């Protein structure tokens, strides 16, 4: 005699384990994403403080050269100004691909050549 109740119970338990494993995976992923977002926010705040304090040091009379000589590099994310003479030249234009009809014709000729050799 088949134990239908036992089969159903084992199937339900297996399905529940699969669902629990998937839920655990998404919980761990959302926790990691939350932590990453928090750390990015903290980093952005620290970098803003760094830029502000760098400017404060400059206002107090330090020069960029003096700060760099002391081992302090300019703050991360600092916007730099480009000189007017530093205009970037555009890359050479690439040749346009052949029109679609020409490409199809080339492919068809190749197929005809292969078929003709058989």
PDB file of N, CA and C in Angstrom:
ATOM      1  N   UNK A   1       0.846  -1.177   0.000  1.00  0.00           N
ATOM      2  CA  UNK A   1       0.000   0.000   0.000  1.00  0.00           C
ATOM      3  C   UNK A   1       0.895   1.245   0.000  1.00  0.00           C
ATOM      4  N   UNK A   2       0.547   2.225  -0.823  1.00  0.00           N
ATOM      5  CA  UNK A   2       1.329   3.447  -0.958  1.00  0.00           C
ATOM      6  C   UNK A   2       0.980   4.419   0.154  1.00  0.00           C
ATOM      7  N   UNK A   3       2.005   5.012   0.727  1.00  0.00           N
ATOM      8  CA  UNK A   3       1.849   5.991   1.811  1.00  0.00           C
ATOM      9  C   UNK A   3       1.732   7.391   1.215  1.00  0.00           C
ATOM     10  N   UNK A   4       0.542   7.707   0.732  1.00  0.00           N
ATOM     11  CA  UNK A   4       0.334   9.000   0.071  1.00  0.00           C
ATOM     12  C   UNK A   4       0.563  10.173   1.016  1.00  0.00           C
ATOM     13  N   UNK A   5       0.170  10.024   2.258  1.00  0.00           N
ATOM     14  CA  UNK A   5       0.393  11.100   3.236  1.00  0.00           C
ATOM     15  C   UNK A   5       1.882  11.343   3.448  1.00  0.00           C
ATOM     16  N   UNK A   6       2.675  10.286   3.515  1.00  0.00           N
ATOM     17  CA  UNK A   6       4.118  10.410   3.688  1.00  0.00           C
ATOM     18  C   UNK A   6       4.769  11.051   2.468  1.00  0.00           C
ATOM     19  N   UNK A   7       4.305  10.671   1.281  1.00  0.00           N
ATOM     20  CA  UNK A   7       4.835  11.252   0.046  1.00  0.00           C
ATOM     21  C   UNK A   7       4.550  12.745   0.015  1.00  0.00           C
ATOM     22  N   UNK A   8       3.323  13.101   0.348  1.00  0.00           N
ATOM     23  CA  UNK A   8       2.934  14.513   0.353  1.00  0.00           C
ATOM     24  C   UNK A   8       3.766  15.296   1.379  1.00  0.00           C
ATOM     25  N   UNK A   9       3.938  14.717   2.575  1.00  0.00           N
ATOM     26  CA  UNK A   9       4.690  15.385   3.628  1.00  0.00           C
ATOM     27  C   UNK A   9       6.137  15.606   3.200  1.00  0.00           C
ATOM     28  N   UNK A  10       6.785  14.573   2.634  1.00  0.00           N
ATOM     29  CA  UNK A  10       8.182  14.698   2.191  1.00  0.00           C
ATOM     30  C   UNK A  10       8.310  15.729   1.060  1.00  0.00           C
ATOM     31  N   UNK A  11       7.371  15.744   0.143  1.00  0.00           N
ATOM     32  CA  UNK A  11       7.397  16.716  -0.958  1.00  0.00           C
ATOM     33  C   UNK A  11       7.239  18.134  -0.420  1.00  0.00           C
ATOM     34  N   UNK A  12       6.318  18.296   0.539  1.00  0.00           N
ATOM     35  CA  UNK A  12       6.108  19.616   1.137  1.00  0.00           C
ATOM     36  C   UNK A  12       7.360  20.070   1.885  1.00  0.00           C
ATOM     37  N   UNK A  13       7.988  19.182   2.637  1.00  0.00           N
ATOM     38  CA  UNK A  13       9.209  19.520   3.370  1.00  0.00           C
ATOM     39  C   UNK A  13      10.337  19.918   2.417  1.00  0.00           C
ATOM     40  N   UNK A  14      10.461  19.179   1.329  1.00  0.00           N
ATOM     41  CA  UNK A  14      11.499  19.494   0.350  1.00  0.00           C
ATOM     42  C   UNK A  14      11.225  20.863  -0.282  1.00  0.00           C
ATOM     43  N   UNK A  15       9.991  21.128  -0.637  1.00  0.00           N
ATOM     44  CA  UNK A  15       9.635  22.416  -1.238  1.00  0.00           C
ATOM     45  C   UNK A  15       9.882  23.561  -0.249  1.00  0.00           C
ATOM     46  N   UNK A  16       9.559  23.329   1.020  1.00  0.00           N
ATOM     47  CA  UNK A  16       9.778  24.362   2.034  1.00  0.00           C
ATOM     48  C   UNK A  16      11.268  24.647   2.207  1.00  0.00           C
ATOM     49  N   UNK A  17      12.124  23.608   2.132  1.00  0.00           N
ATOM     50  CA  UNK A  17      13.567  23.811   2.235  1.00  0.00           C
ATOM     51  C   UNK A  17      14.080  24.644   1.057  1.00  0.00           C
ATOM     52  N   UNK A  18      13.569  24.364  -0.123  1.00  0.00           N
ATOM     53  CA  UNK A  18      13.978  25.116  -1.308  1.00  0.00           C
ATOM     54  C   UNK A  18      13.580  26.581  -1.158  1.00  0.00           C
ATOM     55  N   UNK A  19      12.347  26.826  -0.709  1.00  0.00           N
ATOM     56  CA  UNK A  19      11.882  28.200  -0.528  1.00  0.00           C
ATOM     57  C   UNK A  19      12.707  28.897   0.548  1.00  0.00           C
ATOM     58  N   UNK A  20      12.984  28.214   1.648  1.00  0.00           N
ATOM     59  CA  UNK A  20      13.787  28.800   2.726  1.00  0.00           C
ATOM     60  C   UNK A  20      15.188  29.154   2.239  1.00  0.00           C
ATOM     61  N   UNK A  21      15.790  28.269   1.450  1.00  0.00           N
ATOM     62  CA  UNK A  21      17.124  28.552   0.910  1.00  0.00           C
ATOM     63  C   UNK A  21      17.097  29.788   0.005  1.00  0.00           C
ATOM     64  N   UNK A  22      16.063  29.903  -0.814  1.00  0.00           N
ATOM     65  CA  UNK A  22      15.953  31.066  -1.700  1.00  0.00           C
ATOM     66  C   UNK A  22      15.732  32.341  -0.889  1.00  0.00           C
ATOM     67  N   UNK A  23      14.890  32.261   0.138  1.00  0.00           N
ATOM     68  CA  UNK A  23      14.649  33.432   0.982  1.00  0.00           C
ATOM     69  C   UNK A  23      15.922  33.843   1.716  1.00  0.00           C
ATOM     70  N   UNK A  24      16.676  32.858   2.192  1.00  0.00           N
ATOM     71  CA  UNK A  24      17.929  33.150   2.879  1.00  0.00           C
ATOM     72  C   UNK A  24      18.898  33.856   1.927  1.00  0.00           C
ATOM     73  N   UNK A  25      18.969  33.389   0.688  1.00  0.00           N
ATOM     74  CA  UNK A  25      19.876  33.992  -0.295  1.00  0.00           C
ATOM     75  C   UNK A  25      19.497  35.442  -0.556  1.00  0.00           C
ATOM     76  N   UNK A  26      18.210  35.731  -0.702  1.00  0.00           N
ATOM     77  CA  UNK A  26      17.797  37.107  -0.990  1.00  0.00           C
ATOM     78  C   UNK A  26      17.955  37.984   0.250  1.00  0.00           C
ATOM     79  N   UNK A  27      17.781  37.425   1.435  1.00  0.00           N
ATOM     80  CA  UNK A  27      18.033  38.195   2.666  1.00  0.00           C
ATOM     81  C   UNK A  27      19.494  38.586   2.766  1.00  0.00           C
ATOM     82  N   UNK A  28      20.376  37.645   2.472  1.00  0.00           N
ATOM     83  CA  UNK A  28      21.813  37.918   2.532  1.00  0.00           C
ATOM     84  C   UNK A  28      22.203  38.955   1.480  1.00  0.00           C
ATOM     85  N   UNK A  29      21.627  38.848   0.298  1.00  0.00           N
ATOM     86  CA  UNK A  29      21.919  39.808  -0.764  1.00  0.00           C
ATOM     87  C   UNK A  29      21.438  41.204  -0.405  1.00  0.00           C
ATOM     88  N   UNK A  30      20.220  41.323   0.116  1.00  0.00           N
ATOM     89  CA  UNK A  30      19.716  42.652   0.485  1.00  0.00           C
ATOM     90  C   UNK A  30      20.516  43.234   1.650  1.00  0.00           C
ATOM     91  N   UNK A  31      20.951  42.394   2.580  1.00  0.00           N
ATOM     92  CA  UNK A  31      21.805  42.883   3.675  1.00  0.00           C
ATOM     93  C   UNK A  31      23.119  43.435   3.125  1.00  0.00           C
ATOM     94  N   UNK A  32      23.712  42.714   2.177  1.00  0.00           N
ATOM     95  CA  UNK A  32      24.974  43.164   1.579  1.00  0.00           C
ATOM     96  C   UNK A  32      24.765  44.468   0.816  1.00  0.00           C
ATOM     97  N   UNK A  33      23.660  44.571   0.075  1.00  0.00           N
ATOM     98  CA  UNK A  33      23.394  45.796  -0.679  1.00  0.00           C
ATOM     99  C   UNK A  33      23.150  46.974   0.266  1.00  0.00           C
ATOM    100  N   UNK A  34      22.441  46.728   1.360  1.00  0.00           N
ATOM    101  CA  UNK A  34      22.181  47.774   2.347  1.00  0.00           C
ATOM    102  C   UNK A  34      23.503  48.269   2.941  1.00  0.00           C
ATOM    103  N   UNK A  35      24.356  47.331   3.310  1.00  0.00           N
ATOM    104  CA  UNK A  35      25.656  47.676   3.896  1.00  0.00           C
ATOM    105  C   UNK A  35      26.518  48.445   2.888  1.00  0.00           C
ATOM    106  N   UNK A  36      26.500  48.015   1.638  1.00  0.00           N
ATOM    107  CA  UNK A  36      27.255  48.700   0.591  1.00  0.00           C
ATOM    108  C   UNK A  36      26.764  50.130   0.428  1.00  0.00           C
ATOM    109  N   UNK A  37      25.455  50.334   0.414  1.00  0.00           N
ATOM    110  CA  UNK A  37      24.895  51.683   0.276  1.00  0.00           C
ATOM    111  C   UNK A  37      25.301  52.553   1.466  1.00  0.00           C
ATOM    112  N   UNK A  38      25.269  51.977   2.667  1.00  0.00           N
ATOM    113  CA  UNK A  38      25.670  52.730   3.858  1.00  0.00           C
ATOM    114  C   UNK A  38      27.140  53.138   3.773  1.00  0.00           C
ATOM    115  N   UNK A  39      27.982  52.207   3.337  1.00  0.00           N
ATOM    116  CA  UNK A  39      29.411  52.505   3.232  1.00  0.00           C
ATOM    117  C   UNK A  39      29.679  53.556   2.155  1.00  0.00           C
ATOM    118  N   UNK A  40      28.936  53.489   1.047  1.00  0.00           N
ATOM    119  CA  UNK A  40      29.088  54.513   0.006  1.00  0.00           C
ATOM    120  C   UNK A  40      28.706  55.888   0.544  1.00  0.00           C
ATOM    121  N   UNK A  41      27.632  55.939   1.318  1.00  0.00           N
ATOM    122  CA  UNK A  41      27.212  57.212   1.917  1.00  0.00           C
ATOM    123  C   UNK A  41      28.288  57.738   2.860  1.00  0.00           C
ATOM    124  N   UNK A  42      28.867  56.845   3.678  1.00  0.00           N
ATOM    125  CA  UNK A  42      29.920  57.249   4.596  1.00  0.00           C
ATOM    126  C   UNK A  42      31.149  57.737   3.837  1.00  0.00           C
ATOM    127  N   UNK A  43      31.499  57.043   2.752  1.00  0.00           N
ATOM    128  CA  UNK A  43      32.645  57.446   1.946  1.00  0.00           C
ATOM    129  C   UNK A  43      32.399  58.818   1.316  1.00  0.00           C
ATOM    130  N   UNK A  44      31.200  59.034   0.792  1.00  0.00           N
ATOM    131  CA  UNK A  44      30.883  60.330   0.177  1.00  0.00           C
ATOM    132  C   UNK A  44      30.992  61.454   1.205  1.00  0.00           C
ATOM    133  N   UNK A  45      30.518  61.213   2.414  1.00  0.00           N
ATOM    134  CA  UNK A  45      30.601  62.225   3.469  1.00  0.00           C
ATOM    135  C   UNK A  45      32.063  62.485   3.845  1.00  0.00           C
ATOM    136  N   UNK A  46      32.862  61.425   3.952  1.00  0.00           N
ATOM    137  CA  UNK A  46      34.280  61.590   4.300  1.00  0.00           C
ATOM    138  C   UNK A  46      35.024  62.341   3.202  1.00  0.00           C
ATOM    139  N   UNK A  47      34.709  62.042   1.936  1.00  0.00           N
ATOM    140  CA  UNK A  47      35.361  62.747   0.830  1.00  0.00           C
ATOM    141  C   UNK A  47      34.950  64.216   0.795  1.00  0.00           C
ATOM    142  N   UNK A  48      33.681  64.508   1.113  1.00  0.00           N
ATOM    143  CA  UNK A  48      33.238  65.902   1.169  1.00  0.00           C
ATOM    144  C   UNK A  48      33.980  66.644   2.281  1.00  0.00           C
ATOM    145  N   UNK A  49      34.148  66.004   3.438  1.00  0.00           N
ATOM    146  CA  UNK A  49      34.915  66.602   4.536  1.00  0.00           C
ATOM    147  C   UNK A  49      36.356  66.850   4.107  1.00  0.00           C
ATOM    148  N   UNK A  50      36.953  65.884   3.418  1.00  0.00           N
ATOM    149  CA  UNK A  50      38.326  66.005   2.959  1.00  0.00           C
ATOM    150  C   UNK A  50      38.467  67.207   2.020  1.00  0.00           C
ATOM    151  N   UNK A  51      37.542  67.338   1.057  1.00  0.00           N
ATOM    152  CA  UNK A  51      37.608  68.479   0.128  1.00  0.00           C
ATOM    153  C   UNK A  51      37.440  69.808   0.876  1.00  0.00           C
ATOM    154  N   UNK A  52      36.512  69.833   1.837  1.00  0.00           N
ATOM    155  CA  UNK A  52      36.266  71.049   2.607  1.00  0.00           C
ATOM    156  C   UNK A  52      37.495  71.424   3.436  1.00  0.00           C
ATOM    157  N   UNK A  53      38.104  70.444   4.083  1.00  0.00           N
ATOM    158  CA  UNK A  53      39.275  70.706   4.914  1.00  0.00           C
ATOM    159  C   UNK A  53      40.494  71.083   4.074  1.00  0.00           C
ATOM    160  N   UNK A  54      40.604  70.533   2.877  1.00  0.00           N
ATOM    161  CA  UNK A  54      41.679  70.928   1.959  1.00  0.00           C
ATOM    162  C   UNK A  54      41.529  72.416   1.625  1.00  0.00           C
ATOM    163  N   UNK A  55      40.303  72.822   1.303  1.00  0.00           N
ATOM    164  CA  UNK A  55      40.055  74.229   0.990  1.00  0.00           C
ATOM    165  C   UNK A  55      40.327  75.120   2.208  1.00  0.00           C
ATOM    166  N   UNK A  56      39.956  74.633   3.386  1.00  0.00           N
ATOM    167  CA  UNK A  56      40.243  75.397   4.611  1.00  0.00           C
ATOM    168  C   UNK A  56      41.750  75.605   4.772  1.00  0.00           C
ATOM    169  N   UNK A  57      42.543  74.557   4.520  1.00  0.00           N
ATOM    170  CA  UNK A  57      43.999  74.676   4.637  1.00  0.00           C
ATOM    171  C   UNK A  57      44.533  75.698   3.632  1.00  0.00           C
ATOM    172  N   UNK A  58      43.982  75.693   2.420  1.00  0.00           N
ATOM    173  CA  UNK A  58      44.409  76.676   1.414  1.00  0.00           C
ATOM    174  C   UNK A  58      44.044  78.096   1.859  1.00  0.00           C
ATOM    175  N   UNK A  59      42.861  78.251   2.437  1.00  0.00           N
ATOM    176  CA  UNK A  59      42.447  79.579   2.924  1.00  0.00           C
ATOM    177  C   UNK A  59      43.306  80.044   4.099  1.00  0.00           C
ATOM    178  N   UNK A  60      43.867  79.113   4.847  1.00  0.00           N
ATOM    179  CA  UNK A  60      44.734  79.461   5.983  1.00  0.00           C
ATOM    180  C   UNK A  60      46.160  79.769   5.544  1.00  0.00           C
ATOM    181  N   UNK A  61      46.389  79.729   4.228  1.00  0.00           N
ATOM    182  CA  UNK A  61      47.694  80.142   3.738  1.00  0.00           C
ATOM    183  C   UNK A  61      48.567  79.042   3.173  1.00  0.00           C
ATOM    184  N   UNK A  62      48.163  77.810   3.324  1.00  0.00           N
ATOM    185  CA  UNK A  62      48.958  76.732   2.734  1.00  0.00           C
ATOM    186  C   UNK A  62      48.816  76.793   1.214  1.00  0.00           C
ATOM    187  N   UNK A  63      49.870  76.415   0.509  1.00  0.00           N
ATOM    188  CA  UNK A  63      49.779  76.299  -0.943  1.00  0.00           C
ATOM    189  C   UNK A  63      49.609  74.823  -1.281  1.00  0.00           C
ATOM    190  N   UNK A  64      49.123  74.570  -2.486  1.00  0.00           N
ATOM    191  CA  UNK A  64      48.986  73.176  -2.939  1.00  0.00           C
ATOM    192  C   UNK A  64      50.347  72.484  -2.908  1.00  0.00           C
ATOM    193  N   UNK A  65      51.375  73.193  -3.359  1.00  0.00           N
ATOM    194  CA  UNK A  65      52.723  72.611  -3.389  1.00  0.00           C
ATOM    195  C   UNK A  65      53.192  72.242  -1.982  1.00  0.00           C
ATOM    196  N   UNK A  66      52.922  73.109  -1.005  1.00  0.00           N
ATOM    197  CA  UNK A  66      53.331  72.818   0.377  1.00  0.00           C
ATOM    198  C   UNK A  66      52.587  71.600   0.921  1.00  0.00           C
ATOM    199  N   UNK A  67      51.305  71.546   0.650  1.00  0.00           N
ATOM    200  CA  UNK A  67      50.523  70.401   1.135  1.00  0.00           C
ATOM    201  C   UNK A  67      51.011  69.109   0.484  1.00  0.00           C
ATOM    202  N   UNK A  68      51.265  69.161  -0.828  1.00  0.00           N
ATOM    203  CA  UNK A  68      51.765  67.973  -1.523  1.00  0.00           C
ATOM    204  C   UNK A  68      53.138  67.580  -0.982  1.00  0.00           C
ATOM    205  N   UNK A  69      53.997  68.563  -0.727  1.00  0.00           N
ATOM    206  CA  UNK A  69      55.336  68.282  -0.193  1.00  0.00           C
ATOM    207  C   UNK A  69      55.245  67.647   1.197  1.00  0.00           C
ATOM    208  N   UNK A  70      54.156  67.924   1.919  1.00  0.00           N
ATOM    209  CA  UNK A  70      53.944  67.336   3.245  1.00  0.00           C
ATOM    210  C   UNK A  70      53.429  65.904   3.154  1.00  0.00           C
ATOM    211  N   UNK A  71      53.152  65.457   1.926  1.00  0.00           N
ATOM    212  CA  UNK A  71      52.638  64.101   1.751  1.00  0.00           C
ATOM    213  C   UNK A  71      51.132  64.048   1.583  1.00  0.00           C
ATOM    214  N   UNK A  72      50.495  65.189   1.483  1.00  0.00           N
ATOM    215  CA  UNK A  72      49.038  65.228   1.328  1.00  0.00           C
ATOM    216  C   UNK A  72      48.685  65.458  -0.138  1.00  0.00           C
ATOM    217  N   UNK A  73      48.020  64.499  -0.726  1.00  0.00           N
ATOM    218  CA  UNK A  73      47.600  64.664  -2.114  1.00  0.00           C
ATOM    219  C   UNK A  73      46.282  65.438  -2.138  1.00  0.00           C
ATOM    220  N   UNK A  74      45.957  65.952  -3.313  1.00  0.00           N
ATOM    221  CA  UNK A  74      44.695  66.685  -3.433  1.00  0.00           C
ATOM    222  C   UNK A  74      43.549  65.712  -3.196  1.00  0.00           C
ATOM    223  N   UNK A  75      42.429  66.222  -2.721  1.00  0.00           N
ATOM    224  CA  UNK A  75      41.294  65.353  -2.399  1.00  0.00           C
ATOM    225  C   UNK A  75      40.791  64.560  -3.597  1.00  0.00           C
ATOM    226  N   UNK A  76      40.277  63.390  -3.317  1.00  0.00           N
ATOM    227  CA  UNK A  76      39.670  62.556  -4.356  1.00  0.00           C
ATOM    228  C   UNK A  76      38.417  63.244  -4.872  1.00  0.00           C
ATOM    229  N   UNK A  77      38.175  63.081  -6.165  1.00  0.00           N
ATOM    230  CA  UNK A  77      36.958  63.631  -6.744  1.00  0.00           C
ATOM    231  C   UNK A  77      37.013  65.121  -6.953  1.00  0.00           C
ATOM    232  N   UNK A  78      38.190  65.710  -6.788  1.00  0.00           N
ATOM    233  CA  UNK A  78      38.317  67.149  -6.964  1.00  0.00           C
ATOM    234  C   UNK A  78      38.157  67.465  -8.439  1.00  0.00           C
ATOM    235  N   UNK A  79      37.308  68.399  -8.754  1.00  0.00           N
ATOM    236  CA  UNK A  79      37.108  68.812 -10.134  1.00  0.00           C
ATOM    237  C   UNK A  79      38.319  69.621 -10.579  1.00  0.00           C
ATOM    238  N   UNK A  80      38.874  69.251 -11.701  1.00  0.00           N
ATOM    239  CA  UNK A  80      40.003  69.989 -12.235  1.00  0.00           C
ATOM    240  C   UNK A  80      39.539  70.819 -13.416  1.00  0.00           C
ATOM    241  N   UNK A  81      40.152  71.951 -13.598  1.00  0.00           N
ATOM    242  CA  UNK A  81      39.802  72.826 -14.715  1.00  0.00           C
ATOM    243  C   UNK A  81      40.745  72.556 -15.862  1.00  0.00           C
ATOM    244  N   UNK A  82      40.202  72.534 -17.059  1.00  0.00           N
ATOM    245  CA  UNK A  82      41.027  72.357 -18.249  1.00  0.00           C
ATOM    246  C   UNK A  82      41.372  73.708 -18.830  1.00  0.00           C
ATOM    247  N   UNK A  83      42.570  73.788 -19.336  1.00  0.00           N
ATOM    248  CA  UNK A  83      42.965  75.000 -20.033  1.00  0.00           C
ATOM    249  C   UNK A  83      42.272  75.014 -21.389  1.00  0.00           C
ATOM    250  N   UNK A  84      42.036  76.192 -21.921  1.00  0.00           N
ATOM    251  CA  UNK A  84      41.370  76.320 -23.210  1.00  0.00           C
ATOM    252  C   UNK A  84      42.157  75.617 -24.311  1.00  0.00           C
ATOM    253  N   UNK A  85      43.480  75.555 -24.177  1.00  0.00           N
ATOM    254  CA  UNK A  85      44.307  74.932 -25.211  1.00  0.00           C
ATOM    255  C   UNK A  85      44.264  73.410 -25.150  1.00  0.00           C
ATOM    256  N   UNK A  86      43.673  72.875 -24.114  1.00  0.00           N
ATOM    257  CA  UNK A  86      43.645  71.419 -23.947  1.00  0.00           C
ATOM    258  C   UNK A  86      42.365  70.825 -24.516  1.00  0.00           C
ATOM    259  N   UNK A  87      41.904  71.358 -25.633  1.00  0.00           N
ATOM    260  CA  UNK A  87      40.694  70.836 -26.261  1.00  0.00           C
ATOM    261  C   UNK A  87      41.004  69.475 -26.853  1.00  0.00           C
ATOM    262  N   UNK A  88      40.184  68.521 -26.553  1.00  0.00           N
ATOM    263  CA  UNK A  88      40.398  67.158 -27.006  1.00  0.00           C
ATOM    264  C   UNK A  88      39.993  67.038 -28.475  1.00  0.00           C
ATOM    265  N   UNK A  89      40.896  66.453 -29.260  1.00  0.00           N
ATOM    266  CA  UNK A  89      40.578  66.228 -30.669  1.00  0.00           C
ATOM    267  C   UNK A  89      39.662  65.025 -30.764  1.00  0.00           C
ATOM    268  N   UNK A  90      38.728  65.104 -31.685  1.00  0.00           N
ATOM    269  CA  UNK A  90      37.806  63.987 -31.851  1.00  0.00           C
ATOM    270  C   UNK A  90      38.513  62.832 -32.544  1.00  0.00           C
ATOM    271  N   UNK A  91      38.085  61.650 -32.247  1.00  0.00           N
ATOM    272  CA  UNK A  91      38.667  60.449 -32.833  1.00  0.00           C
ATOM    273  C   UNK A  91      38.315  60.410 -34.322  1.00  0.00           C
ATOM    274  N   UNK A  92      39.179  59.781 -35.118  1.00  0.00           N
ATOM    275  CA  UNK A  92      38.854  59.697 -36.540  1.00  0.00           C
ATOM    276  C   UNK A  92      37.564  58.912 -36.739  1.00  0.00           C
ATOM    277  N   UNK A  93      36.806  59.334 -37.739  1.00  0.00           N
ATOM    278  CA  UNK A  93      35.530  58.664 -38.002  1.00  0.00           C
ATOM    279  C   UNK A  93      35.783  57.296 -38.593  1.00  0.00           C
ATOM    280  N   UNK A  94      34.997  56.329 -38.134  1.00  0.00           N
ATOM    281  CA  UNK A  94      35.102  54.986 -38.679  1.00  0.00           C
ATOM    282  C   UNK A  94      34.240  54.887 -39.922  1.00  0.00           C
ATOM    283  N   UNK A  95      34.653  53.996 -40.825  1.00  0.00           N
ATOM    284  CA  UNK A  95      33.889  53.798 -42.039  1.00  0.00           C
ATOM    285  C   UNK A  95      32.581  53.124 -41.677  1.00  0.00           C
ATOM    286  N   UNK A  96      31.506  53.603 -42.271  1.00  0.00           N
ATOM    287  CA  UNK A  96      30.186  53.049 -41.994  1.00  0.00           C
ATOM    288  C   UNK A  96      30.099  51.631 -42.544  1.00  0.00           C
ATOM    289  N   UNK A  97      29.354  50.752 -41.873  1.00  0.00           N
ATOM    290  CA  UNK A  97      29.193  49.393 -42.380  1.00  0.00           C
ATOM    291  C   UNK A  97      28.388  49.419 -43.680  1.00  0.00           C
ATOM    292  N   UNK A  98      28.512  48.372 -44.497  1.00  0.00           N
ATOM    293  CA  UNK A  98      27.773  48.365 -45.764  1.00  0.00           C
ATOM    294  C   UNK A  98      26.273  48.344 -45.495  1.00  0.00           C
ATOM    295  N   UNK A  99      25.509  48.872 -46.432  1.00  0.00           N
ATOM    296  CA  UNK A  99      24.055  48.847 -46.262  1.00  0.00           C
ATOM    297  C   UNK A  99      23.569  47.413 -46.111  1.00  0.00           C
ATOM    298  N   UNK A 100      22.434  47.254 -45.482  1.00  0.00           N
ATOM    299  CA  UNK A 100      21.880  45.937 -45.193  1.00  0.00           C
ATOM    300  C   UNK A 100      21.686  45.113 -46.465  1.00  0.00           C
ATOM    301  N   UNK A 101      21.154  45.715 -47.510  1.00  0.00           N
ATOM    302  CA  UNK A 101      20.902  44.971 -48.746  1.00  0.00           C
ATOM    303  C   UNK A 101      22.208  44.420 -49.316  1.00  0.00           C
ATOM    304  N   UNK A 102      23.285  45.229 -49.271  1.00  0.00           N
ATOM    305  CA  UNK A 102      24.582  44.790 -49.777  1.00  0.00           C
ATOM    306  C   UNK A 102      25.119  43.636 -48.933  1.00  0.00           C
ATOM    307  N   UNK A 103      24.948  43.721 -47.616  1.00  0.00           N
ATOM    308  CA  UNK A 103      25.416  42.652 -46.734  1.00  0.00           C
ATOM    309  C   UNK A 103      24.662  41.361 -47.008  1.00  0.00           C
ATOM    310  N   UNK A 104      23.359  41.453 -47.212  1.00  0.00           N
ATOM    311  CA  UNK A 104      22.550  40.257 -47.491  1.00  0.00           C
ATOM    312  C   UNK A 104      22.975  39.642 -48.818  1.00  0.00           C
ATOM    313  N   UNK A 105      23.209  40.477 -49.816  1.00  0.00           N
ATOM    314  CA  UNK A 105      23.629  39.996 -51.132  1.00  0.00           C
ATOM    315  C   UNK A 105      24.967  39.265 -51.028  1.00  0.00           C
ATOM    316  N   UNK A 106      25.888  39.809 -50.254  1.00  0.00           N
ATOM    317  CA  UNK A 106      27.203  39.181 -50.075  1.00  0.00           C
ATOM    318  C   UNK A 106      27.047  37.819 -49.420  1.00  0.00           C
ATOM    319  N   UNK A 107      26.200  37.734 -48.421  1.00  0.00           N
ATOM    320  CA  UNK A 107      25.968  36.464 -47.723  1.00  0.00           C
ATOM    321  C   UNK A 107      25.341  35.459 -48.671  1.00  0.00           C
ATOM    322  N   UNK A 108      24.355  35.913 -49.450  1.00  0.00           N
ATOM    323  CA  UNK A 108      23.689  35.002 -50.391  1.00  0.00           C
ATOM    324  C   UNK A 108      24.658  34.491 -51.445  1.00  0.00           C
ATOM    325  N   UNK A 109      25.570  35.355 -51.925  1.00  0.00           N
ATOM    326  CA  UNK A 109      26.579  34.913 -52.904  1.00  0.00           C
ATOM    327  C   UNK A 109      27.467  33.846 -52.287  1.00  0.00           C
ATOM    328  N   UNK A 110      27.845  34.048 -51.023  1.00  0.00           N
ATOM    329  CA  UNK A 110      28.690  33.076 -50.337  1.00  0.00           C
ATOM    330  C   UNK A 110      28.001  31.753 -50.184  1.00  0.00           C
ATOM    331  N   UNK A 111      26.701  31.775 -49.853  1.00  0.00           N
ATOM    332  CA  UNK A 111      25.925  30.548 -49.694  1.00  0.00           C
ATOM    333  C   UNK A 111      25.794  29.863 -51.035  1.00  0.00           C
ATOM    334  N   UNK A 112      25.546  30.635 -52.108  1.00  0.00           N
ATOM    335  CA  UNK A 112      25.415  30.053 -53.445  1.00  0.00           C
ATOM    336  C   UNK A 112      26.715  29.403 -53.857  1.00  0.00           C
ATOM    337  N   UNK A 113      27.869  30.029 -53.559  1.00  0.00           N
ATOM    338  CA  UNK A 113      29.162  29.469 -53.891  1.00  0.00           C
ATOM    339  C   UNK A 113      29.384  28.133 -53.183  1.00  0.00           C
ATOM    340  N   UNK A 114      29.014  28.081 -51.921  1.00  0.00           N
ATOM    341  CA  UNK A 114      29.178  26.842 -51.144  1.00  0.00           C
ATOM    342  C   UNK A 114      28.256  25.777 -51.690  1.00  0.00           C
ATOM    343  N   UNK A 115      27.009  26.129 -51.978  1.00  0.00           N
ATOM    344  CA  UNK A 115      26.050  25.147 -52.517  1.00  0.00           C
ATOM    345  C   UNK A 115      26.484  24.659 -53.888  1.00  0.00           C
ATOM    346  N   UNK A 116      27.075  25.544 -54.694  1.00  0.00           N
ATOM    347  CA  UNK A 116      27.514  25.166 -56.055  1.00  0.00           C
ATOM    348  C   UNK A 116      28.669  24.197 -56.042  1.00  0.00           C
ATOM    349  N   UNK A 117      29.458  24.186 -54.972  1.00  0.00           N
ATOM    350  CA  UNK A 117      30.626  23.298 -54.911  1.00  0.00           C
ATOM    351  C   UNK A 117      30.232  21.876 -54.565  1.00  0.00           C
ATOM    352  N   UNK A 118      29.057  21.670 -54.067  1.00  0.00           N
ATOM    353  CA  UNK A 118      28.635  20.322 -53.626  1.00  0.00           C
ATOM    354  C   UNK A 118      28.324  19.428 -54.779  1.00  0.00           C
TER     355      UNK A 118
END
